[in-house]
């Protein structure tokens, strides 16, 4: 079955938020193609380089929070 790269990018962006540290830095331990697409869309800094993390932009952080809640949020149970 073919995979939808847009849906992959959404999941990667949401998961990047879980590794948030030092303000706006996130660990870049995800698929390189997905990271490159997120960079091309202006959601993270350039993933190419020796650093093990990238900076998530304000727009990227906002989208990541919405995607995290939509994809992984759980309603609180009584």
C-alpha atoms as a PDB file:
ATOM      1  CA  UNK A   1       0.000   0.000   0.000  1.00  0.00           C
ATOM      2  CA  UNK A   2       1.440   3.454  -0.859  1.00  0.00           C
ATOM      3  CA  UNK A   3       2.092   5.750   2.089  1.00  0.00           C
ATOM      4  CA  UNK A   4       0.897   9.352   2.295  1.00  0.00           C
ATOM      5  CA  UNK A   5       3.949  11.577   2.956  1.00  0.00           C
ATOM      6  CA  UNK A   6       1.722  14.401   4.259  1.00  0.00           C
ATOM      7  CA  UNK A   7       0.290  12.156   6.970  1.00  0.00           C
ATOM      8  CA  UNK A   8       3.784  10.913   7.824  1.00  0.00           C
ATOM      9  CA  UNK A   9       4.958  14.522   8.144  1.00  0.00           C
ATOM     10  CA  UNK A  10       2.033  15.339  10.450  1.00  0.00           C
ATOM     11  CA  UNK A  11       2.854  12.404  12.733  1.00  0.00           C
ATOM     12  CA  UNK A  12       6.575  13.262  12.764  1.00  0.00           C
ATOM     13  CA  UNK A  13       5.833  16.911  13.580  1.00  0.00           C
ATOM     14  CA  UNK A  14       3.542  15.888  16.451  1.00  0.00           C
ATOM     15  CA  UNK A  15       6.142  13.438  17.789  1.00  0.00           C
ATOM     16  CA  UNK A  16       8.947  15.996  17.527  1.00  0.00           C
ATOM     17  CA  UNK A  17       7.141  18.011  20.185  1.00  0.00           C
ATOM     18  CA  UNK A  18       7.617  15.162  22.670  1.00  0.00           C
ATOM     19  CA  UNK A  19      11.393  15.692  22.495  1.00  0.00           C
ATOM     20  CA  UNK A  20      11.207  19.442  23.117  1.00  0.00           C
ATOM     21  CA  UNK A  21      14.126  20.774  25.193  1.00  0.00           C
ATOM     22  CA  UNK A  22      16.112  23.973  25.731  1.00  0.00           C
ATOM     23  CA  UNK A  23      13.230  26.187  24.646  1.00  0.00           C
ATOM     24  CA  UNK A  24      12.520  25.368  21.025  1.00  0.00           C
ATOM     25  CA  UNK A  25      14.975  22.556  20.242  1.00  0.00           C
ATOM     26  CA  UNK A  26      13.748  19.072  19.333  1.00  0.00           C
ATOM     27  CA  UNK A  27      15.664  15.838  18.751  1.00  0.00           C
ATOM     28  CA  UNK A  28      15.960  14.966  15.064  1.00  0.00           C
ATOM     29  CA  UNK A  29      15.813  11.180  15.289  1.00  0.00           C
ATOM     30  CA  UNK A  30      13.150  10.718  12.617  1.00  0.00           C
ATOM     31  CA  UNK A  31      13.074   9.884   8.929  1.00  0.00           C
ATOM     32  CA  UNK A  32      15.378  12.289   7.052  1.00  0.00           C
ATOM     33  CA  UNK A  33      12.975  12.739   4.142  1.00  0.00           C
ATOM     34  CA  UNK A  34      10.189  13.767   6.518  1.00  0.00           C
ATOM     35  CA  UNK A  35      12.518  16.181   8.340  1.00  0.00           C
ATOM     36  CA  UNK A  36      13.592  17.709   5.021  1.00  0.00           C
ATOM     37  CA  UNK A  37       9.934  18.195   4.006  1.00  0.00           C
ATOM     38  CA  UNK A  38       9.143  19.849   7.366  1.00  0.00           C
ATOM     39  CA  UNK A  39      12.131  22.163   6.870  1.00  0.00           C
ATOM     40  CA  UNK A  40      10.957  23.018   3.343  1.00  0.00           C
ATOM     41  CA  UNK A  41       7.579  24.011   4.842  1.00  0.00           C
ATOM     42  CA  UNK A  42       9.294  26.305   7.389  1.00  0.00           C
ATOM     43  CA  UNK A  43       8.276  24.256  10.439  1.00  0.00           C
ATOM     44  CA  UNK A  44      11.803  23.329  11.629  1.00  0.00           C
ATOM     45  CA  UNK A  45      15.338  24.566  11.050  1.00  0.00           C
ATOM     46  CA  UNK A  46      17.610  22.819   8.557  1.00  0.00           C
ATOM     47  CA  UNK A  47      18.149  19.229   9.790  1.00  0.00           C
ATOM     48  CA  UNK A  48      21.425  18.856   7.859  1.00  0.00           C
ATOM     49  CA  UNK A  49      24.450  19.148  10.119  1.00  0.00           C
ATOM     50  CA  UNK A  50      26.223  17.595  13.081  1.00  0.00           C
ATOM     51  CA  UNK A  51      23.776  18.818  15.736  1.00  0.00           C
ATOM     52  CA  UNK A  52      21.465  16.139  17.102  1.00  0.00           C
ATOM     53  CA  UNK A  53      18.550  18.539  17.323  1.00  0.00           C
ATOM     54  CA  UNK A  54      16.777  21.205  15.270  1.00  0.00           C
ATOM     55  CA  UNK A  55      14.820  24.312  16.201  1.00  0.00           C
ATOM     56  CA  UNK A  56      11.060  24.131  15.817  1.00  0.00           C
ATOM     57  CA  UNK A  57       9.591  27.390  14.520  1.00  0.00           C
ATOM     58  CA  UNK A  58       6.677  29.154  16.197  1.00  0.00           C
ATOM     59  CA  UNK A  59       4.422  28.011  13.356  1.00  0.00           C
ATOM     60  CA  UNK A  60       5.795  24.470  13.661  1.00  0.00           C
ATOM     61  CA  UNK A  61       5.223  24.424  17.408  1.00  0.00           C
ATOM     62  CA  UNK A  62       1.640  25.609  17.017  1.00  0.00           C
ATOM     63  CA  UNK A  63       0.884  22.980  14.372  1.00  0.00           C
ATOM     64  CA  UNK A  64       2.689  20.294  16.378  1.00  0.00           C
ATOM     65  CA  UNK A  65       0.585  20.988  19.475  1.00  0.00           C
ATOM     66  CA  UNK A  66      -2.651  20.781  17.484  1.00  0.00           C
ATOM     67  CA  UNK A  67      -1.523  17.575  15.752  1.00  0.00           C
ATOM     68  CA  UNK A  68      -0.337  16.027  19.034  1.00  0.00           C
ATOM     69  CA  UNK A  69      -3.743  16.616  20.576  1.00  0.00           C
ATOM     70  CA  UNK A  70      -5.619  15.401  17.485  1.00  0.00           C
ATOM     71  CA  UNK A  71      -3.502  12.288  16.945  1.00  0.00           C
ATOM     72  CA  UNK A  72      -2.634  11.235  20.481  1.00  0.00           C
ATOM     73  CA  UNK A  73      -4.919  13.083  22.915  1.00  0.00           C
ATOM     74  CA  UNK A  74      -6.996  11.078  25.329  1.00  0.00           C
ATOM     75  CA  UNK A  75     -10.106  12.282  27.030  1.00  0.00           C
ATOM     76  CA  UNK A  76      -9.854  12.264  30.794  1.00  0.00           C
ATOM     77  CA  UNK A  77     -11.847   9.514  32.423  1.00  0.00           C
ATOM     78  CA  UNK A  78     -13.685  10.018  35.711  1.00  0.00           C
END
